[in-house]
Amino acid sequence: MAAGVNVLMKMSGGEALRKALKKKEKEFFAAMANELPQEAQKLMQSANALAPRDTGELAGSSSVTSAVQPEKGRVRVAAAYLDEKAAAVHEGVHFGRHIEGTRGFKFYERALNAFEGGFVERIGAKLKRLVGGGP
């Protein structure tokens, strides 16, 4: 199994937010169990809009899954393409040949890079609201 990805963020007041969230662990967990899958869906919508299309099979294989483990205080979300050719198309290999003049289509990577900043801001704002620190 592939290693997980940790998202690190830096925000002013982060330590105070962490302490406030520690006092609201159940609410924090519920918020993440709700918000993270929704964010992953937004990411996949963006990636699907950029995905190259011939038959639509690749975009149709997009998947968002989540595993919520309350006993461990863990929410895991995966946003991926299940089509076996997704990685090759992402890297610019189409119908068994590299498409000359490209460094790959990189559709998922471009979507993730564009999504990342807004994701951090939205989750940060949600957590601040959870502890009464924002609109």
Protein backbone atom coordinates (compact mmCIF):
# COMPACT_ATOMS: atom_id res chain seq x y z
CA MET A 1 0.00 0.00 0.00
CA ALA A 2 1.27 3.49 -0.84
CA ALA A 3 2.33 5.83 1.94
CA GLY A 4 -0.19 8.46 3.00
CA VAL A 5 0.11 12.13 2.20
CA ASN A 6 0.24 14.59 5.06
CA VAL A 7 -0.91 18.12 4.40
CA LEU A 8 0.99 20.65 6.43
CA MET A 9 -0.20 24.16 6.82
CA LYS A 10 1.04 27.26 8.51
CA MET A 11 -1.35 29.83 9.88
CA SER A 12 -1.17 32.58 12.38
CA GLY A 13 -2.66 31.52 15.69
CA GLY A 14 -2.15 27.86 14.82
CA GLU A 15 -1.06 26.85 18.31
CA ALA A 16 -4.05 28.55 19.93
CA LEU A 17 -6.33 26.87 17.37
CA ARG A 18 -4.78 23.47 18.12
CA LYS A 19 -5.41 23.92 21.85
CA ALA A 20 -8.99 25.07 21.29
CA LEU A 21 -9.66 22.11 18.98
CA LYS A 22 -8.25 19.70 21.57
CA LYS A 23 -11.12 20.80 23.82
CA LYS A 24 -13.63 20.00 21.06
CA GLU A 25 -12.28 16.69 19.78
CA LYS A 26 -15.67 15.18 18.92
CA GLU A 27 -16.80 18.27 17.01
CA PHE A 28 -13.42 18.46 15.26
CA PHE A 29 -13.63 14.82 14.21
CA ALA A 30 -17.23 15.22 12.98
CA ALA A 31 -16.27 18.32 10.99
CA MET A 32 -13.36 16.54 9.31
CA ALA A 33 -15.46 13.43 8.61
CA ASN A 34 -17.91 15.72 6.81
CA GLU A 35 -15.59 18.26 5.17
CA LEU A 36 -12.71 16.12 3.86
CA PRO A 37 -14.82 13.89 1.58
CA GLN A 38 -16.58 17.00 0.22
CA GLU A 39 -13.23 18.63 -0.50
CA ALA A 40 -12.02 15.47 -2.24
CA GLN A 41 -15.14 15.56 -4.45
CA LYS A 42 -14.32 19.16 -5.42
CA LEU A 43 -10.78 18.11 -6.29
CA MET A 44 -12.03 15.28 -8.52
CA GLN A 45 -14.47 17.60 -10.27
CA SER A 46 -11.57 19.93 -11.08
CA ALA A 47 -9.37 17.06 -12.23
CA ASN A 48 -12.16 15.60 -14.38
CA ALA A 49 -12.59 18.96 -16.09
CA LEU A 50 -8.89 18.85 -17.08
CA ALA A 51 -8.67 15.15 -17.92
CA PRO A 52 -8.08 14.36 -21.60
CA ARG A 53 -11.11 12.79 -23.21
CA ASP A 54 -11.46 10.29 -25.97
CA THR A 55 -14.17 7.96 -24.69
CA GLY A 56 -14.70 9.46 -21.22
CA GLU A 57 -13.61 6.18 -19.66
CA LEU A 58 -10.75 7.79 -17.73
CA ALA A 59 -12.85 10.57 -16.19
CA GLY A 60 -15.57 8.03 -15.50
CA SER A 61 -13.16 6.03 -13.37
CA SER A 62 -12.62 8.86 -10.88
CA SER A 63 -13.32 7.79 -7.35
CA VAL A 64 -13.47 9.35 -3.91
CA THR A 65 -13.48 7.02 -0.94
CA SER A 66 -13.23 7.70 2.75
CA ALA A 67 -12.61 5.69 5.88
CA VAL A 68 -13.76 7.13 9.17
CA GLN A 69 -12.29 5.53 12.28
CA PRO A 70 -13.75 7.28 15.34
CA GLU A 71 -11.96 4.96 17.76
CA LYS A 72 -8.62 6.09 16.34
CA GLY A 73 -9.69 9.67 15.70
CA ARG A 74 -8.82 9.23 12.04
CA VAL A 75 -10.42 10.29 8.79
CA ARG A 76 -8.79 9.13 5.58
CA VAL A 77 -9.88 10.21 2.14
CA ALA A 78 -8.57 9.07 -1.23
CA ALA A 79 -9.28 10.78 -4.54
CA ALA A 80 -7.99 8.74 -7.48
CA TYR A 81 -8.59 7.38 -10.94
CA LEU A 82 -9.23 3.65 -11.04
CA ASP A 83 -8.68 3.21 -14.77
CA GLU A 84 -5.46 1.23 -15.30
CA LYS A 85 -4.22 3.71 -17.89
CA ALA A 86 -4.69 6.83 -15.74
CA ALA A 87 -1.04 7.15 -14.70
CA ALA A 88 0.19 6.67 -18.27
CA VAL A 89 -2.19 9.31 -19.64
CA HIS A 90 -1.20 11.66 -16.83
CA GLU A 91 2.43 11.29 -17.93
CA GLY A 92 1.63 11.82 -21.62
CA VAL A 93 1.58 8.23 -22.83
CA HIS A 94 -1.45 7.63 -25.01
CA PHE A 95 -2.25 4.46 -26.93
CA GLY A 96 1.13 3.05 -25.89
CA ARG A 97 3.17 5.99 -27.24
CA HIS A 98 4.48 9.12 -25.60
CA ILE A 99 2.87 12.20 -27.12
CA GLU A 100 5.74 14.22 -28.57
CA GLY A 101 6.02 17.84 -27.52
CA THR A 102 4.51 17.23 -24.09
CA ARG A 103 5.97 16.58 -20.71
CA GLY A 104 2.75 14.77 -19.94
CA PHE A 105 -0.81 15.92 -19.59
CA LYS A 106 -0.41 16.27 -15.81
CA PHE A 107 -4.15 16.94 -15.48
CA TYR A 108 -4.42 15.61 -11.93
CA GLU A 109 -1.28 17.38 -10.78
CA ARG A 110 -2.44 20.70 -12.23
CA ALA A 111 -5.83 20.31 -10.57
CA LEU A 112 -4.23 19.48 -7.23
CA ASN A 113 -1.81 22.41 -7.39
CA ALA A 114 -4.65 24.83 -8.15
CA PHE A 115 -6.85 23.29 -5.44
CA GLU A 116 -4.31 23.11 -2.64
CA GLY A 117 -4.26 26.73 -1.43
CA GLY A 118 -8.04 27.05 -1.32
CA PHE A 119 -8.33 23.73 0.47
CA VAL A 120 -6.02 24.83 3.26
CA GLU A 121 -7.87 28.13 3.62
CA ARG A 122 -11.33 26.53 3.63
CA ILE A 123 -10.40 23.87 6.22
CA GLY A 124 -8.59 26.44 8.36
CA ALA A 125 -11.62 28.75 8.28
CA LYS A 126 -13.93 25.84 9.15
CA LEU A 127 -11.80 24.94 12.15
CA LYS A 128 -11.63 28.53 13.34
CA ARG A 129 -15.45 28.76 13.13
CA LEU A 130 -15.68 25.52 15.10
CA VAL A 131 -13.95 27.14 18.06
CA GLY A 132 -15.76 30.46 17.66
CA GLY A 133 -12.92 32.33 16.01
CA GLY A 134 -14.40 33.46 12.72
CA PRO A 135 -17.44 34.06 10.55
